[in-house]
Protein backbone atom coordinates (compact mmCIF):
# COMPACT_ATOMS: atom_id res chain seq x y z
CA MET A 1 22.01 62.93 -24.21
CA SER A 2 23.35 59.45 -26.11
CA SER A 3 23.52 55.80 -24.68
CA ARG A 4 27.23 56.41 -24.83
CA GLU A 5 27.55 58.83 -22.22
CA ARG A 6 25.41 56.72 -19.72
CA ILE A 7 26.96 55.61 -16.79
CA MET A 8 26.51 54.18 -13.28
CA VAL A 9 27.88 54.85 -10.44
CA LEU A 10 28.40 52.89 -7.29
CA ASP A 11 29.69 52.36 -4.11
CA ASP A 12 32.31 55.13 -3.18
CA LEU A 13 30.22 57.52 -5.61
CA GLY A 14 26.79 56.64 -3.60
CA LYS A 15 29.03 57.52 -0.49
CA SER A 16 29.63 60.92 -1.25
CA LEU A 17 26.66 61.76 -3.11
CA LYS A 18 24.61 60.81 0.39
CA GLY A 19 27.30 63.49 2.09
CA THR A 20 26.18 66.32 0.19
CA ILE A 21 22.41 65.21 0.16
CA GLU A 22 23.03 65.64 4.08
CA LYS A 23 24.44 69.00 3.77
CA ILE A 24 21.52 70.14 1.75
CA ALA A 25 18.99 68.60 3.78
CA THR A 26 20.54 70.05 7.14
CA ALA A 27 21.49 73.72 5.55
CA VAL A 28 19.73 76.64 7.22
CA THR A 29 19.19 78.54 3.91
CA VAL A 30 19.97 77.63 0.45
CA ASP A 31 21.66 80.28 -1.16
CA LYS A 32 23.80 80.53 -4.05
CA LYS A 33 27.04 79.54 -1.76
CA LEU A 34 25.56 76.66 -0.94
CA ILE A 35 24.68 75.40 -4.17
CA LYS A 36 28.36 76.17 -5.77
CA GLU A 37 29.86 74.13 -3.02
CA VAL A 38 26.70 71.22 -3.59
CA VAL A 39 28.05 71.39 -7.09
CA ARG A 40 31.71 71.18 -6.27
CA ASP A 41 30.88 67.87 -4.11
CA ILE A 42 29.03 66.24 -6.82
CA GLN A 43 31.94 66.83 -9.52
CA ARG A 44 34.56 65.67 -7.31
CA ALA A 45 32.44 62.56 -6.67
CA LEU A 46 31.64 61.89 -10.31
CA LEU A 47 35.04 62.44 -11.23
CA GLN A 48 36.80 60.00 -8.35
CA SER A 49 34.32 57.24 -9.97
CA ASP A 50 35.92 57.24 -13.52
CA VAL A 51 32.77 59.68 -14.84
CA ASN A 52 33.79 61.35 -18.07
CA VAL A 53 35.06 64.88 -17.42
CA LYS A 54 32.86 66.41 -20.14
CA LEU A 55 29.59 64.58 -19.04
CA VAL A 56 30.64 65.89 -15.50
CA LEU A 57 30.60 69.24 -16.69
CA ASN A 58 27.53 69.08 -18.29
CA LEU A 59 25.36 67.53 -15.47
CA SER A 60 27.13 69.91 -13.01
CA LYS A 61 26.05 72.91 -14.80
CA LYS A 62 22.54 71.88 -15.76
CA ILE A 63 22.44 71.35 -11.53
CA GLU A 64 23.77 74.35 -10.68
CA LYS A 65 21.16 76.46 -13.47
CA ARG A 66 18.14 74.88 -12.38
CA ALA A 67 18.81 75.42 -8.80
CA LEU A 68 19.55 78.77 -9.11
CA ASP A 69 16.41 79.74 -11.67
CA GLU A 70 13.74 77.27 -10.86
CA LYS A 71 11.43 78.38 -7.98
CA PRO A 72 10.52 75.52 -5.52
CA PRO A 73 6.85 73.88 -6.63
CA ALA A 74 4.34 74.83 -3.93
CA GLY A 75 4.56 72.60 -0.91
CA MET A 76 8.30 71.83 -1.42
CA SER A 77 11.19 73.58 0.59
CA GLY A 78 14.32 75.02 -1.27
CA ARG A 79 16.17 72.28 0.08
CA GLU A 80 13.90 69.37 -1.17
CA HIS A 81 13.72 71.23 -4.33
CA VAL A 82 17.49 70.93 -4.49
CA ILE A 83 17.81 67.60 -3.54
CA ARG A 84 14.78 66.55 -6.01
CA ILE A 85 17.13 68.45 -9.03
CA VAL A 86 20.34 66.27 -8.18
CA TYR A 87 18.06 63.08 -8.36
CA ASP A 88 16.20 64.29 -11.89
CA GLU A 89 19.37 64.84 -13.15
CA LEU A 90 21.34 61.80 -12.37
CA VAL A 91 18.28 59.65 -13.24
CA THR A 92 18.64 61.25 -16.72
CA ILE A 93 22.34 60.11 -17.13
CA LEU A 94 21.17 56.32 -16.87
CA GLY A 95 18.13 56.81 -19.32
CA ASP A 96 15.21 54.93 -19.84
CA ALA A 97 14.38 51.52 -18.07
CA ARG A 98 13.68 48.38 -19.89
CA GLU A 99 11.65 45.42 -19.00
CA LEU A 100 12.37 42.08 -20.63
CA PRO A 101 8.93 40.89 -22.17
CA VAL A 102 7.08 38.28 -20.43
CA LYS A 103 6.70 35.88 -23.27
CA LYS A 104 8.59 32.74 -24.85
CA GLN A 105 11.91 33.25 -26.03
CA ILE A 106 15.15 32.20 -26.74
CA ILE A 107 17.73 34.65 -24.39
CA MET A 108 21.39 34.23 -25.57
CA LEU A 109 24.26 35.37 -22.58
CA THR A 110 27.56 36.66 -23.93
CA GLY A 111 30.71 37.90 -22.08
CA LEU A 112 33.67 37.12 -21.24
CA TYR A 113 35.26 34.53 -18.61
CA GLY A 114 34.62 35.48 -14.65
CA GLN A 115 31.94 38.27 -15.68
CA GLY A 116 29.11 36.29 -13.98
CA LYS A 117 27.50 34.42 -16.90
CA THR A 118 26.52 31.03 -15.61
CA THR A 119 25.32 32.42 -12.45
CA SER A 120 22.94 35.14 -14.13
CA ALA A 121 21.47 32.20 -16.68
CA GLY A 122 20.63 30.53 -13.04
CA LYS A 123 18.97 34.02 -11.59
CA LEU A 124 17.31 34.76 -15.21
CA ALA A 125 15.63 31.69 -15.15
CA GLN A 126 14.31 32.17 -11.52
CA TYR A 127 13.02 35.52 -12.54
CA PHE A 128 11.13 33.97 -15.29
CA LYS A 129 9.65 31.57 -13.30
CA LYS A 130 8.64 33.71 -10.53
CA LYS A 131 6.70 35.77 -13.25
CA GLY A 132 4.87 32.45 -14.20
CA LEU A 133 6.77 31.16 -17.16
CA ARG A 134 8.44 27.77 -17.55
CA PRO A 135 12.44 28.18 -18.14
CA SER A 136 14.90 25.96 -18.94
CA VAL A 137 18.83 26.64 -19.03
CA ILE A 138 21.51 24.95 -22.13
CA ALA A 139 24.96 24.82 -21.19
CA GLY A 140 26.84 26.29 -24.06
CA ASP A 141 30.14 26.58 -22.76
CA VAL A 142 32.03 23.91 -24.13
CA HIS A 143 35.66 24.89 -23.23
CA ARG A 144 35.54 25.57 -19.51
CA PRO A 145 35.58 22.42 -18.07
CA ALA A 146 33.63 23.37 -14.51
CA ALA A 147 30.81 24.91 -16.62
CA TYR A 148 28.80 22.14 -17.29
CA ASP A 149 28.47 20.78 -13.76
CA GLN A 150 28.19 24.74 -12.20
CA LEU A 151 24.69 25.27 -14.62
CA LYS A 152 23.64 21.87 -13.82
CA GLN A 153 23.75 22.56 -10.23
CA ILE A 154 22.19 26.06 -10.37
CA ALA A 155 19.25 24.73 -12.54
CA ALA A 156 18.87 22.20 -9.92
CA GLN A 157 18.73 24.91 -6.91
CA VAL A 158 16.31 27.11 -8.75
CA ASP A 159 14.62 23.76 -9.97
CA VAL A 160 14.75 24.29 -13.80
CA PRO A 161 15.30 21.83 -16.69
CA PHE A 162 18.84 21.95 -17.94
CA TYR A 163 20.55 20.60 -21.03
CA GLY A 164 24.39 19.70 -21.80
CA ASP A 165 26.35 17.70 -23.46
CA LYS A 166 30.06 17.17 -21.41
CA HIS A 167 31.55 15.05 -24.19
CA GLU A 168 30.69 17.57 -26.97
CA LYS A 169 32.94 20.45 -27.66
CA ASN A 170 31.20 21.82 -30.63
CA ALA A 171 29.01 24.45 -28.62
CA VAL A 172 26.39 25.42 -31.64
CA LYS A 173 25.74 21.83 -32.11
CA VAL A 174 25.04 21.66 -28.09
CA VAL A 175 22.70 24.89 -28.31
CA LYS A 176 20.90 23.48 -31.12
CA ASN A 177 20.49 20.35 -29.73
CA GLY A 178 19.32 21.78 -26.23
CA VAL A 179 16.56 24.21 -28.20
CA GLU A 180 15.25 21.60 -30.30
CA LYS A 181 14.94 19.58 -26.79
CA PHE A 182 13.34 22.73 -25.08
CA LYS A 183 11.07 24.32 -27.95
CA ARG A 184 8.00 22.83 -26.84
CA SER A 185 7.81 22.22 -22.97
CA ALA A 186 9.67 25.47 -22.10
CA ASP A 187 8.94 29.06 -22.67
CA VAL A 188 12.12 30.90 -22.16
CA ILE A 189 15.00 29.23 -23.39
CA ILE A 190 18.44 30.68 -21.71
CA VAL A 191 21.69 30.15 -23.30
CA ASP A 192 24.59 29.96 -21.63
CA THR A 193 27.65 30.54 -23.65
CA SER A 194 31.71 30.35 -23.94
CA GLY A 195 33.69 33.21 -22.29
CA ARG A 196 37.77 33.87 -22.92
CA HIS A 197 40.12 35.75 -20.94
CA LYS A 198 40.52 38.32 -23.29
CA LEU A 199 38.91 38.37 -26.91
CA GLU A 200 39.91 36.02 -29.50
CA GLU A 201 38.63 35.29 -33.02
CA ASP A 202 37.46 32.13 -32.31
CA LEU A 203 35.22 33.20 -29.63
CA ILE A 204 33.30 35.61 -31.80
CA GLN A 205 33.07 33.39 -34.67
CA GLU A 206 31.55 31.01 -32.04
CA MET A 207 29.00 33.78 -30.95
CA LYS A 208 27.76 34.59 -34.24
CA ASP A 209 27.55 30.70 -35.12
CA ILE A 210 25.22 30.52 -32.39
CA PHE A 211 23.28 33.59 -32.80
CA HIS A 212 22.44 32.33 -36.54
CA ALA A 213 21.82 28.85 -35.62
CA THR A 214 18.97 29.70 -32.72
CA LYS A 215 18.06 33.30 -33.85
CA PRO A 216 17.67 34.50 -30.18
CA ASP A 217 15.31 37.23 -29.27
CA GLU A 218 17.66 38.98 -26.46
CA LYS A 219 21.23 38.90 -26.47
CA LEU A 220 22.37 39.91 -23.22
CA LEU A 221 26.16 41.14 -22.25
CA VAL A 222 26.83 40.25 -18.55
CA ILE A 223 29.32 42.75 -17.36
CA ASP A 224 31.27 42.76 -13.84
CA ALA A 225 30.66 45.98 -12.09
CA ALA A 226 34.83 46.16 -11.32
CA VAL A 227 35.31 46.36 -14.99
CA GLY A 228 37.54 49.56 -16.18
CA GLN A 229 37.43 51.55 -19.03
CA GLN A 230 39.27 48.90 -21.01
CA ALA A 231 35.76 46.73 -21.20
CA GLY A 232 34.76 49.21 -24.16
CA SER A 233 36.34 47.69 -26.91
CA GLN A 234 35.18 44.03 -25.71
CA ALA A 235 31.34 45.65 -25.44
CA LYS A 236 31.90 46.65 -28.91
CA ALA A 237 32.86 43.54 -30.62
CA PHE A 238 30.19 41.34 -29.13
CA ASN A 239 27.62 43.74 -30.00
CA ASP A 240 29.03 44.00 -33.80
CA ALA A 241 28.90 39.98 -33.26
CA VAL A 242 24.92 39.39 -32.14
CA ASN A 243 23.75 43.02 -31.62
CA ILE A 244 23.29 43.43 -27.88
CA THR A 245 19.65 44.31 -26.74
CA GLY A 246 20.64 44.76 -23.17
CA ILE A 247 23.02 44.33 -20.32
CA ILE A 248 23.23 42.01 -17.34
CA LEU A 249 25.67 44.33 -14.41
CA THR A 250 26.81 41.70 -12.00
CA LYS A 251 29.00 41.77 -8.84
CA LEU A 252 27.46 44.83 -7.07
CA ASP A 253 27.69 43.95 -3.94
CA GLY A 254 31.51 44.72 -4.18
CA THR A 255 33.24 48.42 -3.76
CA ALA A 256 34.28 48.77 -7.28
CA LYS A 257 33.75 52.54 -8.52
CA GLY A 258 31.67 51.09 -11.68
CA GLY A 259 31.41 54.33 -13.52
CA GLY A 260 34.24 53.57 -16.03
CA ALA A 261 32.71 50.10 -16.45
CA LEU A 262 29.19 51.47 -17.60
CA SER A 263 30.57 54.42 -19.51
CA ALA A 264 32.43 51.44 -21.53
CA ALA A 265 29.45 49.10 -21.69
CA ALA A 266 27.22 52.04 -23.31
CA GLU A 267 29.35 51.12 -26.29
CA VAL A 268 26.78 48.51 -27.02
CA ASP A 269 23.88 51.22 -26.66
CA ALA A 270 21.79 49.03 -24.68
CA PRO A 271 20.31 49.37 -21.91
CA ILE A 272 21.15 47.71 -18.33
CA VAL A 273 18.05 45.21 -17.86
CA PHE A 274 19.14 43.60 -14.55
CA ILE A 275 21.59 43.81 -11.76
CA GLY A 276 23.12 40.98 -9.65
CA THR A 277 24.09 42.24 -6.24
CA GLY A 278 25.13 38.88 -4.61
CA GLU A 279 25.72 34.99 -5.01
CA HIS A 280 22.06 34.14 -4.16
CA ALA A 281 19.51 33.40 -6.54
CA SER A 282 17.44 36.25 -4.64
CA ASP A 283 20.34 38.69 -5.26
CA PHE A 284 19.33 39.96 -8.75
CA GLU A 285 16.78 42.64 -9.77
CA ARG A 286 15.17 44.50 -13.05
CA PHE A 287 17.30 47.79 -13.27
CA ASP A 288 14.86 51.00 -12.74
CA PRO A 289 17.10 54.28 -13.10
CA SER A 290 15.07 56.08 -10.73
CA ARG A 291 14.64 53.03 -7.81
CA PHE A 292 18.99 53.19 -8.46
CA ILE A 293 19.40 56.71 -8.11
CA SER A 294 17.20 56.72 -5.13
CA ARG A 295 18.95 54.25 -3.06
CA LEU A 296 22.34 55.73 -4.21
CA LEU A 297 20.93 59.23 -2.39
CA GLY A 298 20.15 57.17 0.64
CA MET A 299 16.44 57.96 -0.04
CA GLY A 300 15.64 54.24 0.02
CA ASP A 301 13.37 52.30 -2.35
CA ILE A 302 9.99 51.18 -0.81
CA LYS A 303 8.59 50.25 -4.23
CA THR A 304 11.44 47.40 -4.60
CA LEU A 305 11.00 46.49 -0.98
CA LEU A 306 7.22 46.04 -1.36
CA GLU A 307 7.65 43.63 -4.49
CA LYS A 308 9.88 41.58 -2.45
CA ALA A 309 7.72 41.43 0.25
CA GLU A 310 4.39 40.65 -1.91
CA GLU A 311 7.12 37.69 -3.55
CA SER A 312 8.21 36.85 -0.18
CA MET A 313 4.37 36.24 0.95
CA LYS A 314 3.72 33.69 -1.72
CA GLY A 315 -0.02 34.73 -2.53
CA LYS A 316 -0.72 36.62 0.54
CA ASP A 317 -2.25 40.59 0.58
CA ALA A 318 1.15 42.80 1.50
CA GLU A 319 -1.56 45.72 1.52
CA THR A 320 -3.75 44.42 4.03
CA THR A 321 -0.75 43.20 6.40
CA ALA A 322 0.83 46.67 5.90
CA ARG A 323 -2.23 48.34 6.85
CA ARG A 324 -3.24 45.90 10.02
CA MET A 325 0.34 46.66 11.21
CA MET A 326 0.09 50.53 10.63
CA SER A 327 -2.99 50.78 12.45
CA GLY A 328 -1.62 49.88 15.54
CA LYS A 329 -4.01 46.56 15.67
CA PHE A 330 -0.39 44.38 16.03
CA THR A 331 -0.42 40.72 17.67
CA LEU A 332 1.74 37.61 17.68
CA HIS A 333 0.00 36.50 14.49
CA ASP A 334 1.18 39.73 12.94
CA MET A 335 4.61 39.41 13.93
CA TYR A 336 5.06 35.85 12.62
CA ASP A 337 3.82 37.09 9.11
CA GLN A 338 6.03 39.77 9.44
CA MET A 339 9.42 37.59 10.00
CA ASP A 340 7.92 35.14 8.13
CA MET A 341 8.19 37.77 5.21
CA LEU A 342 11.55 39.13 6.23
CA SER A 343 13.43 35.62 5.80
CA GLY A 344 12.01 35.43 2.05
CA MET A 345 13.14 38.52 0.96
CA GLY A 346 16.76 37.58 1.54
CA PRO A 347 19.65 39.11 3.49
CA LEU A 348 18.57 42.00 6.06
CA ASN A 349 21.40 43.96 5.24
CA LYS A 350 20.01 44.20 1.34
CA ILE A 351 16.55 44.80 3.07
CA SER A 352 17.70 47.82 4.89
CA GLU A 353 19.21 49.45 2.04
CA LEU A 354 15.84 49.75 0.46
CA LEU A 355 14.72 51.86 3.37
CA PRO A 356 14.71 55.56 3.36
CA GLY A 357 16.50 57.64 5.73
CA GLY A 358 19.81 56.25 5.51
CA PHE A 359 18.62 53.48 7.89
CA ALA A 360 21.33 50.99 6.04
CA GLY A 361 24.10 53.28 7.37
CA LYS A 362 22.53 53.67 11.15
CA MET A 363 22.13 49.26 11.17
CA LYS A 364 25.86 48.97 9.83
CA ASN A 365 27.07 48.18 13.38
CA VAL A 366 24.12 45.61 13.87
CA ASP A 367 25.10 42.18 13.56
CA MET A 368 22.92 41.01 10.55
CA ASP A 369 23.69 37.21 10.74
CA ASP A 370 22.77 37.13 14.70
CA THR A 371 19.84 39.50 14.21
CA GLN A 372 18.46 36.94 11.45
CA ASP A 373 19.19 34.16 13.80
CA ARG A 374 17.38 35.60 16.48
CA LEU A 375 13.99 36.49 14.39
CA GLN A 376 14.11 32.60 13.34
CA ARG A 377 14.62 31.16 16.94
CA PHE A 378 11.74 33.85 17.45
CA ARG A 379 9.24 31.80 15.08
CA ILE A 380 10.39 28.19 16.24
CA ILE A 381 8.75 30.08 19.43
CA MET A 382 5.59 31.02 18.42
CA ASP A 383 5.43 27.87 16.48
CA SER A 384 4.79 26.20 20.06
CA MET A 385 2.22 28.71 20.80
CA THR A 386 -1.89 28.35 21.00
CA ASN A 387 -3.93 30.40 18.62
CA GLU A 388 -5.09 32.23 22.25
CA GLU A 389 -1.27 32.90 22.90
CA MET A 390 -0.78 34.34 19.54
CA GLU A 391 -3.93 36.66 19.53
CA ASN A 392 -3.59 37.56 23.31
CA PRO A 393 0.21 37.65 24.29
CA GLN A 394 -0.58 39.54 27.79
CA ILE A 395 -2.19 36.18 28.79
CA ILE A 396 1.61 34.52 28.38
CA ARG A 397 2.50 34.03 32.43
CA SER A 398 5.01 32.03 34.09
CA SER A 399 3.14 28.34 33.34
CA ARG A 400 2.74 29.29 30.14
CA VAL A 401 6.54 30.85 28.84
CA LYS A 402 7.70 26.99 30.40
CA ARG A 403 5.42 24.81 28.25
CA ILE A 404 6.24 27.32 25.42
CA ALA A 405 10.09 27.07 25.99
CA ARG A 406 9.92 22.93 26.24
CA GLY A 407 7.75 22.41 23.23
CA ALA A 408 10.17 24.72 21.09
CA GLY A 409 13.28 23.35 22.91
CA VAL A 410 14.57 26.59 23.98
CA GLU A 411 15.18 28.44 27.37
CA ASN A 412 12.52 30.55 29.43
CA LYS A 413 14.73 33.58 29.04
CA ASP A 414 14.23 32.86 24.98
CA VAL A 415 10.23 33.46 25.59
CA LYS A 416 10.60 36.01 27.65
CA GLU A 417 13.04 37.57 24.91
CA LEU A 418 10.05 37.38 22.29
CA ILE A 419 7.38 38.70 24.81
CA LYS A 420 10.24 41.72 25.23
CA TYR A 421 10.74 42.00 21.17
CA TYR A 422 6.90 42.15 20.68
CA ASN A 423 5.98 44.42 23.40
CA MET A 424 8.42 47.07 21.98
CA THR A 425 7.33 46.78 18.63
CA LYS A 426 3.72 46.80 19.20
CA ARG A 427 4.47 50.16 20.65
CA MET A 428 6.77 51.15 17.78
CA MET A 429 3.80 50.65 15.64
CA LYS A 430 1.07 52.39 17.84
CA GLY A 431 3.09 55.59 17.99
CA PHE A 432 3.37 55.35 14.06
CA SER A 433 -0.38 54.95 13.94
CA SER A 434 -0.87 58.33 15.47
CA ASN A 435 1.30 60.17 13.43
CA ARG A 436 -1.03 60.38 10.63
CA LYS A 437 1.35 62.65 8.55
CA MET A 438 4.16 59.98 8.53
CA ARG A 439 1.49 57.01 8.11
CA LYS A 440 0.06 59.00 4.91
CA ASN A 441 3.17 60.16 3.21
CA LEU A 442 4.42 56.28 3.57
CA MET A 443 1.30 54.87 2.18
CA LYS A 444 1.85 56.89 -0.42
CA GLN A 445 4.78 56.00 -1.44
CA LEU A 446 3.46 52.16 -1.36
CA GLN A 447 0.74 53.52 -3.92
CA PHE A 448 -1.72 52.21 -1.86
CA GLY A 449 -5.36 53.41 -2.50
CA LYS A 450 -4.44 54.26 -6.15
């Protein structure tokens, strides 16, 4: 399958496919009738998401043939086998994953206005900063008045060096000066370039001039997930100008279908390397087809969850913490570490999407902001406790509750609520630790003990 046929299918498709997966999972038997029905559901979902008709037919034929002809591997039920086939074929559509090399390099961002280039420049800088490199950003958009100020502000937020010249209207000169400034002090130089509301000859020429002047190692095309199939000619024009090496897909937190946009983006014959899922610098992740499809189908993404946890723990051992929690030995120190880790992983609604079993759907009626505020309040309360109280919460009686509440600036009922939450969480952990099969399966997904 060529990269031109690769597409990404987003929110609407995800909801439809989750329903299809549930239909398979709850079926009494897996027979020809069920498989035909499932294939029709998948066809309908793909077509409604702007996916090419020919590709839909090819994909559905492969799923149907494999589901009818292949026998489930040993230890796998017929239902699990069909779900696995759907998963495998959808991953194949998206092509191979590609990770940008962690090395000294120049990265040039291209794309039209409003696609998220400037925001992506900051997110990309933070990504490489977390990898241990020294990134810097250059404001190469000299035509949009707010571009300079926006990138300067973003650079300050992620704490990386910035270069720009508000009074210079020659983009090539600005970029060359920036590269000269950072070539010894920075490992990764990220160049934000100009855009337009539509393709114009002078924009393409400017891209070519910057490309020839700086010889960037990576040329990334930034595309909004909501852009439709008309983006094909735009993507091709940028590719012809600078030879695009990867795609950053932005604004995946919206409700756009996205299938048509990615079909068009495939014009550049380059892989998706990153996806942006929100406005925060942390709402940015390396694109991995298998992980993305797993989340799309409601199967979770434990690997990404663990990576976020490890980043959040700032050098602490995520595996040791997880093992301790699963063992049933759970103190307030453990719960504090758990909350500290969660607070650094981003919004709770984004974290829930990484959990298996349709957890995000089950939490859709939960007030995530209120929950996040409550967890922050709990951490403040625990900061007012002694080490003995943190290790042995059962000793916290009336007089201790009053002292802790005064120290934390909260009411007695808030301390009691924390203790109640702790006891409930401990019971849950204890129940999990006693279920050997469930624990073994999760540890396997986390790849502990490899």
